[in-house]
Amino acid sequence: MQALRIAAAASILIVAAGAVVAQECDEEVLFEVYDGTIEIIHSQALYNCCCAIDFDVIQEGFAIDVAEWEELEGGGCDCLCCFDMRVAVAGLDPGDYTITIWKHSEYGGTEMLGPWIVTVTGTSLPSLTAEYTPCVNTSAGEFRETWGTIKALYQ
């Protein structure tokens, strides 16, 4: 009887976890442009809940490619979350830039977002910043009933 109660409690926890990760991300790319700078905002991008996001930014002339990819921590979790990313490229010459984002994930493979044309005016000193905010308040569930799910709840 004790084993039955434990199994039932685990099932309830897993079902409740599934309800938490059942929402979808509303992925969006926005740009803020000011004096020689383009800030690329990639909001609610779907990645594994237990990952870090790495960036690579390549500028060739008036083309900027941003590659983002997930680095799974501890093998990842059995859930997907919405992440917000910001990349700011400064020191750009005035003109029209073609922006492309390359999104790499274990779940979705490689996906190209864009291209977009963004017009830069003014000048600034060269710099590059990239950051992300993990697991926004919504999640999406490629969900399996494993201990990785429970692990994700505590991350």
N, C-alpha and C. Protein backbone atom coordinates (compact mmCIF):
# COMPACT_ATOMS: atom_id res chain seq x y z
N MET A 1 0.82 -1.18 0.00
CA MET A 1 0.00 0.00 0.00
C MET A 1 0.87 1.26 0.00
N GLN A 2 1.98 1.25 0.74
CA GLN A 2 2.89 2.39 0.79
C GLN A 2 3.45 2.69 -0.60
N ALA A 3 3.83 1.66 -1.36
CA ALA A 3 4.37 1.86 -2.70
C ALA A 3 3.32 2.50 -3.61
N LEU A 4 2.07 2.14 -3.45
CA LEU A 4 0.99 2.70 -4.25
C LEU A 4 0.83 4.19 -3.96
N ARG A 5 0.91 4.60 -2.70
CA ARG A 5 0.81 6.02 -2.34
C ARG A 5 1.96 6.83 -2.92
N ILE A 6 3.18 6.29 -2.85
CA ILE A 6 4.34 6.99 -3.40
C ILE A 6 4.20 7.14 -4.91
N ALA A 7 3.77 6.08 -5.59
CA ALA A 7 3.59 6.15 -7.04
C ALA A 7 2.51 7.17 -7.40
N ALA A 8 1.43 7.20 -6.63
CA ALA A 8 0.35 8.15 -6.89
C ALA A 8 0.84 9.58 -6.66
N ALA A 9 1.61 9.81 -5.61
CA ALA A 9 2.13 11.15 -5.32
C ALA A 9 3.08 11.58 -6.43
N ALA A 10 3.93 10.68 -6.91
CA ALA A 10 4.84 11.01 -8.00
C ALA A 10 4.06 11.32 -9.27
N SER A 11 3.00 10.57 -9.54
CA SER A 11 2.18 10.82 -10.72
C SER A 11 1.51 12.19 -10.65
N ILE A 12 1.02 12.55 -9.47
CA ILE A 12 0.38 13.86 -9.30
C ILE A 12 1.41 14.97 -9.52
N LEU A 13 2.61 14.81 -8.98
CA LEU A 13 3.67 15.80 -9.16
C LEU A 13 4.02 15.93 -10.63
N ILE A 14 4.14 14.84 -11.33
CA ILE A 14 4.49 14.87 -12.75
C ILE A 14 3.37 15.50 -13.57
N VAL A 15 2.13 15.19 -13.28
CA VAL A 15 1.02 15.81 -13.98
C VAL A 15 0.99 17.31 -13.71
N ALA A 16 1.24 17.72 -12.47
CA ALA A 16 1.26 19.14 -12.14
C ALA A 16 2.41 19.82 -12.86
N ALA A 17 3.56 19.16 -12.96
CA ALA A 17 4.69 19.73 -13.69
C ALA A 17 4.33 19.88 -15.16
N GLY A 18 3.61 18.93 -15.71
CA GLY A 18 3.19 19.02 -17.10
C GLY A 18 2.30 20.22 -17.33
N ALA A 19 1.47 20.56 -16.37
CA ALA A 19 0.60 21.72 -16.51
C ALA A 19 1.42 23.00 -16.53
N VAL A 20 2.52 23.03 -15.78
CA VAL A 20 3.37 24.21 -15.75
C VAL A 20 4.08 24.40 -17.08
N VAL A 21 4.48 23.33 -17.75
CA VAL A 21 5.27 23.45 -18.96
C VAL A 21 4.43 23.31 -20.23
N ALA A 22 3.13 23.50 -20.14
CA ALA A 22 2.26 23.30 -21.29
C ALA A 22 2.02 24.56 -22.11
N GLN A 23 2.49 25.73 -21.66
CA GLN A 23 2.28 26.97 -22.41
C GLN A 23 3.28 27.06 -23.56
N GLU A 24 3.00 27.92 -24.52
CA GLU A 24 3.92 28.10 -25.64
C GLU A 24 4.62 29.45 -25.55
N CYS A 25 5.80 29.53 -26.15
CA CYS A 25 6.54 30.78 -26.22
C CYS A 25 5.98 31.61 -27.37
N ASP A 26 6.00 32.91 -27.19
CA ASP A 26 5.59 33.84 -28.23
C ASP A 26 6.86 34.52 -28.75
N GLU A 27 7.64 33.77 -29.56
CA GLU A 27 8.96 34.21 -30.02
C GLU A 27 8.84 35.46 -30.89
N GLU A 28 9.77 36.42 -30.66
CA GLU A 28 9.73 37.68 -31.37
C GLU A 28 11.14 38.27 -31.45
N VAL A 29 11.44 38.96 -32.55
CA VAL A 29 12.72 39.65 -32.71
C VAL A 29 12.43 41.13 -32.93
N LEU A 30 13.07 41.97 -32.11
CA LEU A 30 12.90 43.42 -32.19
C LEU A 30 14.29 44.06 -32.28
N PHE A 31 14.32 45.30 -32.77
CA PHE A 31 15.57 46.03 -32.89
C PHE A 31 15.43 47.41 -32.28
N GLU A 32 16.47 47.84 -31.56
CA GLU A 32 16.58 49.21 -31.09
C GLU A 32 17.84 49.78 -31.73
N VAL A 33 17.71 50.92 -32.39
CA VAL A 33 18.83 51.51 -33.11
C VAL A 33 19.09 52.90 -32.56
N TYR A 34 20.35 53.18 -32.26
CA TYR A 34 20.74 54.51 -31.80
C TYR A 34 22.22 54.70 -32.09
N ASP A 35 22.60 55.90 -32.48
CA ASP A 35 23.98 56.33 -32.75
C ASP A 35 24.99 55.20 -32.97
N GLY A 36 25.02 54.65 -34.17
CA GLY A 36 26.02 53.64 -34.53
C GLY A 36 25.85 52.31 -33.85
N THR A 37 24.68 52.04 -33.28
CA THR A 37 24.45 50.82 -32.50
C THR A 37 23.14 50.15 -32.91
N ILE A 38 23.20 48.84 -33.03
CA ILE A 38 21.98 48.03 -33.20
C ILE A 38 21.88 47.11 -32.00
N GLU A 39 20.76 47.18 -31.31
CA GLU A 39 20.48 46.24 -30.22
C GLU A 39 19.43 45.26 -30.74
N ILE A 40 19.80 43.97 -30.74
CA ILE A 40 18.93 42.91 -31.24
C ILE A 40 18.30 42.23 -30.03
N ILE A 41 16.98 42.24 -29.96
CA ILE A 41 16.26 41.64 -28.84
C ILE A 41 15.50 40.43 -29.38
N HIS A 42 15.91 39.26 -28.95
CA HIS A 42 15.25 38.01 -29.35
C HIS A 42 14.53 37.50 -28.11
N SER A 43 13.22 37.71 -28.07
CA SER A 43 12.48 37.37 -26.86
C SER A 43 11.71 36.06 -27.02
N GLN A 44 11.61 35.36 -25.91
CA GLN A 44 10.89 34.10 -25.77
C GLN A 44 11.31 33.04 -26.80
N ALA A 45 12.61 32.87 -26.93
CA ALA A 45 13.16 31.82 -27.79
C ALA A 45 13.12 30.50 -27.04
N LEU A 46 12.71 29.45 -27.71
CA LEU A 46 12.51 28.15 -27.09
C LEU A 46 13.81 27.36 -27.03
N TYR A 47 14.26 27.05 -25.82
CA TYR A 47 15.45 26.24 -25.58
C TYR A 47 15.19 25.31 -24.40
N ASN A 48 16.09 24.35 -24.19
CA ASN A 48 16.00 23.44 -23.06
C ASN A 48 16.06 24.23 -21.76
N CYS A 49 15.22 23.85 -20.78
CA CYS A 49 15.16 24.58 -19.50
C CYS A 49 16.50 24.62 -18.77
N CYS A 50 17.29 23.58 -18.92
CA CYS A 50 18.55 23.47 -18.17
C CYS A 50 19.75 23.72 -19.09
N CYS A 51 19.78 24.89 -19.71
CA CYS A 51 20.90 25.19 -20.60
C CYS A 51 21.41 26.60 -20.34
N ALA A 52 22.60 26.84 -20.84
CA ALA A 52 23.15 28.19 -20.94
C ALA A 52 23.14 28.53 -22.42
N ILE A 53 23.00 29.80 -22.75
CA ILE A 53 22.98 30.23 -24.14
C ILE A 53 24.32 30.90 -24.46
N ASP A 54 24.96 30.43 -25.52
CA ASP A 54 26.20 31.04 -26.01
C ASP A 54 25.90 31.80 -27.29
N PHE A 55 26.72 32.81 -27.57
CA PHE A 55 26.51 33.66 -28.74
C PHE A 55 27.80 33.75 -29.55
N ASP A 56 27.64 33.94 -30.85
CA ASP A 56 28.74 34.28 -31.74
C ASP A 56 28.18 35.34 -32.69
N VAL A 57 28.84 36.49 -32.77
CA VAL A 57 28.37 37.59 -33.60
C VAL A 57 29.45 37.86 -34.66
N ILE A 58 29.05 37.79 -35.92
CA ILE A 58 29.99 38.02 -37.03
C ILE A 58 29.47 39.17 -37.86
N GLN A 59 30.31 40.21 -38.00
CA GLN A 59 29.96 41.33 -38.86
C GLN A 59 30.92 41.34 -40.04
N GLU A 60 30.35 41.31 -41.23
CA GLU A 60 31.13 41.44 -42.46
C GLU A 60 30.48 42.55 -43.27
N GLY A 61 31.13 43.72 -43.31
CA GLY A 61 30.56 44.85 -44.03
C GLY A 61 29.25 45.26 -43.39
N PHE A 62 28.17 45.23 -44.19
CA PHE A 62 26.86 45.63 -43.70
C PHE A 62 25.96 44.42 -43.42
N ALA A 63 26.58 43.30 -43.12
CA ALA A 63 25.84 42.08 -42.73
C ALA A 63 26.27 41.66 -41.33
N ILE A 64 25.28 41.36 -40.49
CA ILE A 64 25.56 40.89 -39.13
C ILE A 64 24.82 39.58 -38.93
N ASP A 65 25.57 38.52 -38.62
CA ASP A 65 25.00 37.22 -38.28
C ASP A 65 25.17 36.98 -36.79
N VAL A 66 24.08 36.63 -36.13
CA VAL A 66 24.12 36.29 -34.71
C VAL A 66 23.78 34.82 -34.60
N ALA A 67 24.72 34.03 -34.06
CA ALA A 67 24.46 32.61 -33.80
C ALA A 67 24.22 32.45 -32.30
N GLU A 68 23.13 31.79 -31.94
CA GLU A 68 22.87 31.46 -30.54
C GLU A 68 22.68 29.96 -30.46
N TRP A 69 23.24 29.37 -29.43
CA TRP A 69 23.08 27.93 -29.26
C TRP A 69 23.06 27.58 -27.79
N GLU A 70 22.36 26.49 -27.53
CA GLU A 70 22.24 26.06 -26.14
C GLU A 70 23.39 25.14 -25.76
N GLU A 71 23.90 25.34 -24.56
CA GLU A 71 24.89 24.46 -23.95
C GLU A 71 24.16 23.74 -22.82
N LEU A 72 23.87 22.45 -23.02
CA LEU A 72 23.11 21.71 -22.02
C LEU A 72 23.95 21.49 -20.77
N GLU A 73 23.37 21.79 -19.63
CA GLU A 73 24.05 21.63 -18.34
C GLU A 73 23.56 20.35 -17.69
N GLY A 74 24.48 19.45 -17.40
CA GLY A 74 24.11 18.19 -16.76
C GLY A 74 23.22 17.32 -17.63
N GLY A 75 23.37 17.43 -18.96
CA GLY A 75 22.57 16.61 -19.87
C GLY A 75 21.23 17.22 -20.22
N GLY A 76 20.91 18.37 -19.67
CA GLY A 76 19.64 19.02 -19.97
C GLY A 76 18.50 18.47 -19.14
N CYS A 77 17.32 19.00 -19.36
CA CYS A 77 16.10 18.58 -18.66
C CYS A 77 15.07 18.14 -19.69
N ASP A 78 14.01 17.54 -19.23
CA ASP A 78 12.94 17.10 -20.11
C ASP A 78 11.86 18.17 -20.22
N CYS A 79 12.28 19.40 -20.46
CA CYS A 79 11.32 20.48 -20.66
C CYS A 79 11.98 21.57 -21.49
N LEU A 80 11.15 22.40 -22.08
CA LEU A 80 11.61 23.52 -22.88
C LEU A 80 11.08 24.80 -22.27
N CYS A 81 11.90 25.87 -22.30
CA CYS A 81 11.52 27.14 -21.70
C CYS A 81 11.75 28.28 -22.68
N CYS A 82 11.16 29.41 -22.37
CA CYS A 82 11.31 30.63 -23.16
C CYS A 82 12.45 31.47 -22.57
N PHE A 83 13.41 31.84 -23.40
CA PHE A 83 14.55 32.65 -22.99
C PHE A 83 14.49 34.00 -23.71
N ASP A 84 14.98 35.05 -23.05
CA ASP A 84 15.12 36.36 -23.68
C ASP A 84 16.60 36.64 -23.88
N MET A 85 16.98 37.07 -25.11
CA MET A 85 18.36 37.39 -25.43
C MET A 85 18.47 38.83 -25.91
N ARG A 86 19.63 39.46 -25.62
CA ARG A 86 19.93 40.80 -26.12
C ARG A 86 21.37 40.79 -26.61
N VAL A 87 21.56 41.30 -27.82
CA VAL A 87 22.90 41.46 -28.38
C VAL A 87 22.99 42.90 -28.88
N ALA A 88 23.99 43.64 -28.43
CA ALA A 88 24.18 45.02 -28.88
C ALA A 88 25.52 45.11 -29.60
N VAL A 89 25.47 45.58 -30.85
CA VAL A 89 26.68 45.77 -31.66
C VAL A 89 26.83 47.27 -31.88
N ALA A 90 27.94 47.83 -31.40
CA ALA A 90 28.18 49.27 -31.51
C ALA A 90 29.42 49.53 -32.36
N GLY A 91 29.59 50.79 -32.76
CA GLY A 91 30.73 51.17 -33.59
C GLY A 91 30.46 50.94 -35.07
N LEU A 92 29.18 50.88 -35.44
CA LEU A 92 28.80 50.62 -36.82
C LEU A 92 28.79 51.91 -37.63
N ASP A 93 29.17 51.82 -38.91
CA ASP A 93 29.06 52.94 -39.82
C ASP A 93 27.61 53.15 -40.19
N PRO A 94 27.21 54.38 -40.49
CA PRO A 94 25.84 54.61 -40.94
C PRO A 94 25.54 53.82 -42.22
N GLY A 95 24.31 53.29 -42.31
CA GLY A 95 23.90 52.54 -43.49
C GLY A 95 22.87 51.49 -43.16
N ASP A 96 22.49 50.70 -44.17
CA ASP A 96 21.51 49.63 -44.01
C ASP A 96 22.23 48.31 -43.75
N TYR A 97 21.89 47.65 -42.63
CA TYR A 97 22.51 46.39 -42.24
C TYR A 97 21.50 45.25 -42.40
N THR A 98 21.99 44.12 -42.89
CA THR A 98 21.18 42.91 -42.98
C THR A 98 21.50 42.06 -41.75
N ILE A 99 20.46 41.78 -40.94
CA ILE A 99 20.62 41.02 -39.70
C ILE A 99 19.99 39.64 -39.87
N THR A 100 20.73 38.61 -39.51
CA THR A 100 20.22 37.23 -39.52
C THR A 100 20.57 36.58 -38.19
N ILE A 101 19.63 35.84 -37.64
CA ILE A 101 19.87 35.07 -36.41
C ILE A 101 19.84 33.59 -36.77
N TRP A 102 20.86 32.87 -36.30
CA TRP A 102 20.94 31.42 -36.48
C TRP A 102 20.76 30.79 -35.10
N LYS A 103 19.66 30.10 -34.94
CA LYS A 103 19.29 29.50 -33.65
C LYS A 103 19.58 28.00 -33.70
N HIS A 104 20.46 27.54 -32.80
CA HIS A 104 20.85 26.12 -32.75
C HIS A 104 20.37 25.52 -31.44
N SER A 105 19.60 24.42 -31.52
CA SER A 105 19.17 23.74 -30.30
C SER A 105 19.09 22.24 -30.55
N GLU A 106 19.21 21.48 -29.47
CA GLU A 106 19.09 20.03 -29.55
C GLU A 106 17.69 19.64 -30.01
N TYR A 107 16.69 20.37 -29.54
CA TYR A 107 15.29 20.06 -29.82
C TYR A 107 14.91 20.43 -31.25
N GLY A 108 15.28 21.64 -31.68
CA GLY A 108 14.80 22.15 -32.96
C GLY A 108 15.82 22.14 -34.08
N GLY A 109 17.04 21.70 -33.83
CA GLY A 109 18.06 21.74 -34.86
C GLY A 109 18.52 23.17 -35.11
N THR A 110 18.85 23.49 -36.36
CA THR A 110 19.28 24.83 -36.72
C THR A 110 18.17 25.53 -37.48
N GLU A 111 17.87 26.74 -37.05
CA GLU A 111 16.79 27.52 -37.65
C GLU A 111 17.32 28.91 -37.97
N MET A 112 17.01 29.41 -39.18
CA MET A 112 17.40 30.75 -39.55
C MET A 112 16.22 31.69 -39.32
N LEU A 113 16.46 32.78 -38.60
CA LEU A 113 15.45 33.82 -38.39
C LEU A 113 15.89 35.06 -39.15
N GLY A 114 15.01 35.62 -39.92
CA GLY A 114 15.36 36.80 -40.70
C GLY A 114 15.50 36.41 -42.16
N PRO A 115 16.15 37.20 -42.93
CA PRO A 115 16.91 38.40 -42.56
C PRO A 115 16.02 39.64 -42.45
N TRP A 116 16.56 40.63 -41.72
CA TRP A 116 15.91 41.92 -41.56
C TRP A 116 16.89 43.00 -42.03
N ILE A 117 16.36 44.10 -42.51
CA ILE A 117 17.17 45.26 -42.87
C ILE A 117 16.95 46.33 -41.79
N VAL A 118 18.06 46.80 -41.20
CA VAL A 118 18.01 47.79 -40.13
C VAL A 118 18.91 48.95 -40.52
N THR A 119 18.40 50.16 -40.44
CA THR A 119 19.15 51.36 -40.82
C THR A 119 19.79 52.00 -39.60
N VAL A 120 21.11 52.22 -39.70
CA VAL A 120 21.89 52.82 -38.62
C VAL A 120 22.27 54.24 -39.02
N THR A 121 22.15 55.17 -38.09
CA THR A 121 22.62 56.54 -38.28
C THR A 121 23.57 56.86 -37.13
N GLY A 122 24.32 57.92 -37.27
CA GLY A 122 25.21 58.35 -36.19
C GLY A 122 26.42 57.44 -36.05
N THR A 123 27.21 57.69 -35.02
CA THR A 123 28.42 56.90 -34.76
C THR A 123 28.53 56.63 -33.26
N SER A 124 29.34 55.61 -32.94
CA SER A 124 29.62 55.27 -31.55
C SER A 124 30.95 54.53 -31.50
N LEU A 125 31.45 54.33 -30.32
CA LEU A 125 32.67 53.55 -30.14
C LEU A 125 32.34 52.07 -30.29
N PRO A 126 33.28 51.28 -30.84
CA PRO A 126 33.01 49.85 -31.03
C PRO A 126 32.86 49.10 -29.71
N SER A 127 31.84 48.26 -29.64
CA SER A 127 31.67 47.36 -28.49
C SER A 127 30.67 46.27 -28.88
N LEU A 128 30.67 45.22 -28.11
CA LEU A 128 29.75 44.11 -28.32
C LEU A 128 29.34 43.57 -26.96
N THR A 129 28.05 43.47 -26.72
CA THR A 129 27.55 42.85 -25.50
C THR A 129 26.49 41.83 -25.88
N ALA A 130 26.43 40.76 -25.12
CA ALA A 130 25.41 39.72 -25.33
C ALA A 130 25.03 39.17 -23.97
N GLU A 131 23.73 39.00 -23.76
CA GLU A 131 23.23 38.47 -22.49
C GLU A 131 21.91 37.76 -22.72
N TYR A 132 21.54 36.94 -21.77
CA TYR A 132 20.24 36.26 -21.85
C TYR A 132 19.63 36.15 -20.47
N THR A 133 18.31 36.03 -20.45
CA THR A 133 17.56 35.80 -19.23
C THR A 133 16.93 34.42 -19.35
N PRO A 134 17.29 33.49 -18.47
CA PRO A 134 16.77 32.13 -18.61
C PRO A 134 15.31 31.99 -18.20
N CYS A 135 14.67 31.05 -18.82
CA CYS A 135 13.32 30.61 -18.49
C CYS A 135 12.37 31.73 -18.10
N VAL A 136 11.87 32.42 -19.10
CA VAL A 136 10.85 33.44 -18.90
C VAL A 136 9.63 32.75 -18.30
N ASN A 137 8.66 33.50 -17.85
CA ASN A 137 7.52 32.95 -17.12
C ASN A 137 6.64 31.97 -17.88
N THR A 138 6.89 31.76 -19.17
CA THR A 138 6.13 30.76 -19.90
C THR A 138 7.05 29.63 -20.30
N SER A 139 6.49 28.48 -20.53
CA SER A 139 7.27 27.32 -20.93
C SER A 139 6.47 26.53 -21.95
N ALA A 140 7.17 25.67 -22.66
CA ALA A 140 6.49 24.80 -23.62
C ALA A 140 6.96 23.39 -23.37
N GLY A 141 6.09 22.44 -23.59
CA GLY A 141 6.43 21.11 -23.15
C GLY A 141 6.63 20.08 -24.22
N GLU A 142 7.86 19.82 -24.58
CA GLU A 142 8.24 18.54 -25.18
C GLU A 142 8.55 17.75 -23.92
N PHE A 143 7.59 17.06 -23.40
CA PHE A 143 7.60 16.66 -22.01
C PHE A 143 7.52 15.15 -21.89
N ARG A 144 8.42 14.58 -21.13
CA ARG A 144 8.37 13.16 -20.81
C ARG A 144 8.37 13.02 -19.30
N GLU A 145 7.74 11.98 -18.82
CA GLU A 145 7.64 11.79 -17.38
C GLU A 145 8.90 11.09 -16.86
N THR A 146 9.92 11.91 -16.50
CA THR A 146 11.17 11.38 -15.98
C THR A 146 11.62 12.25 -14.81
N TRP A 147 12.70 11.83 -14.17
CA TRP A 147 13.25 12.61 -13.06
C TRP A 147 13.83 13.92 -13.56
N GLY A 148 14.18 14.03 -14.84
CA GLY A 148 14.65 15.29 -15.40
C GLY A 148 13.59 16.37 -15.29
N THR A 149 12.32 15.98 -15.36
CA THR A 149 11.21 16.93 -15.23
C THR A 149 11.20 17.51 -13.82
N ILE A 150 11.31 16.64 -12.85
CA ILE A 150 11.33 17.10 -11.46
C ILE A 150 12.56 17.97 -11.22
N LYS A 151 13.71 17.58 -11.79
CA LYS A 151 14.93 18.37 -11.69
C LYS A 151 14.69 19.78 -12.25
N ALA A 152 13.99 19.87 -13.37
CA ALA A 152 13.74 21.17 -14.01
C ALA A 152 12.92 22.09 -13.13
N LEU A 153 12.02 21.53 -12.34
CA LEU A 153 11.19 22.34 -11.45
C LEU A 153 12.02 23.05 -10.40
N TYR A 154 13.15 22.48 -10.03
CA TYR A 154 13.98 23.07 -8.99
C TYR A 154 15.10 23.94 -9.54
N GLN A 155 15.25 24.02 -10.86
CA GLN A 155 16.32 24.83 -11.48
C GLN A 155 15.97 26.28 -11.45
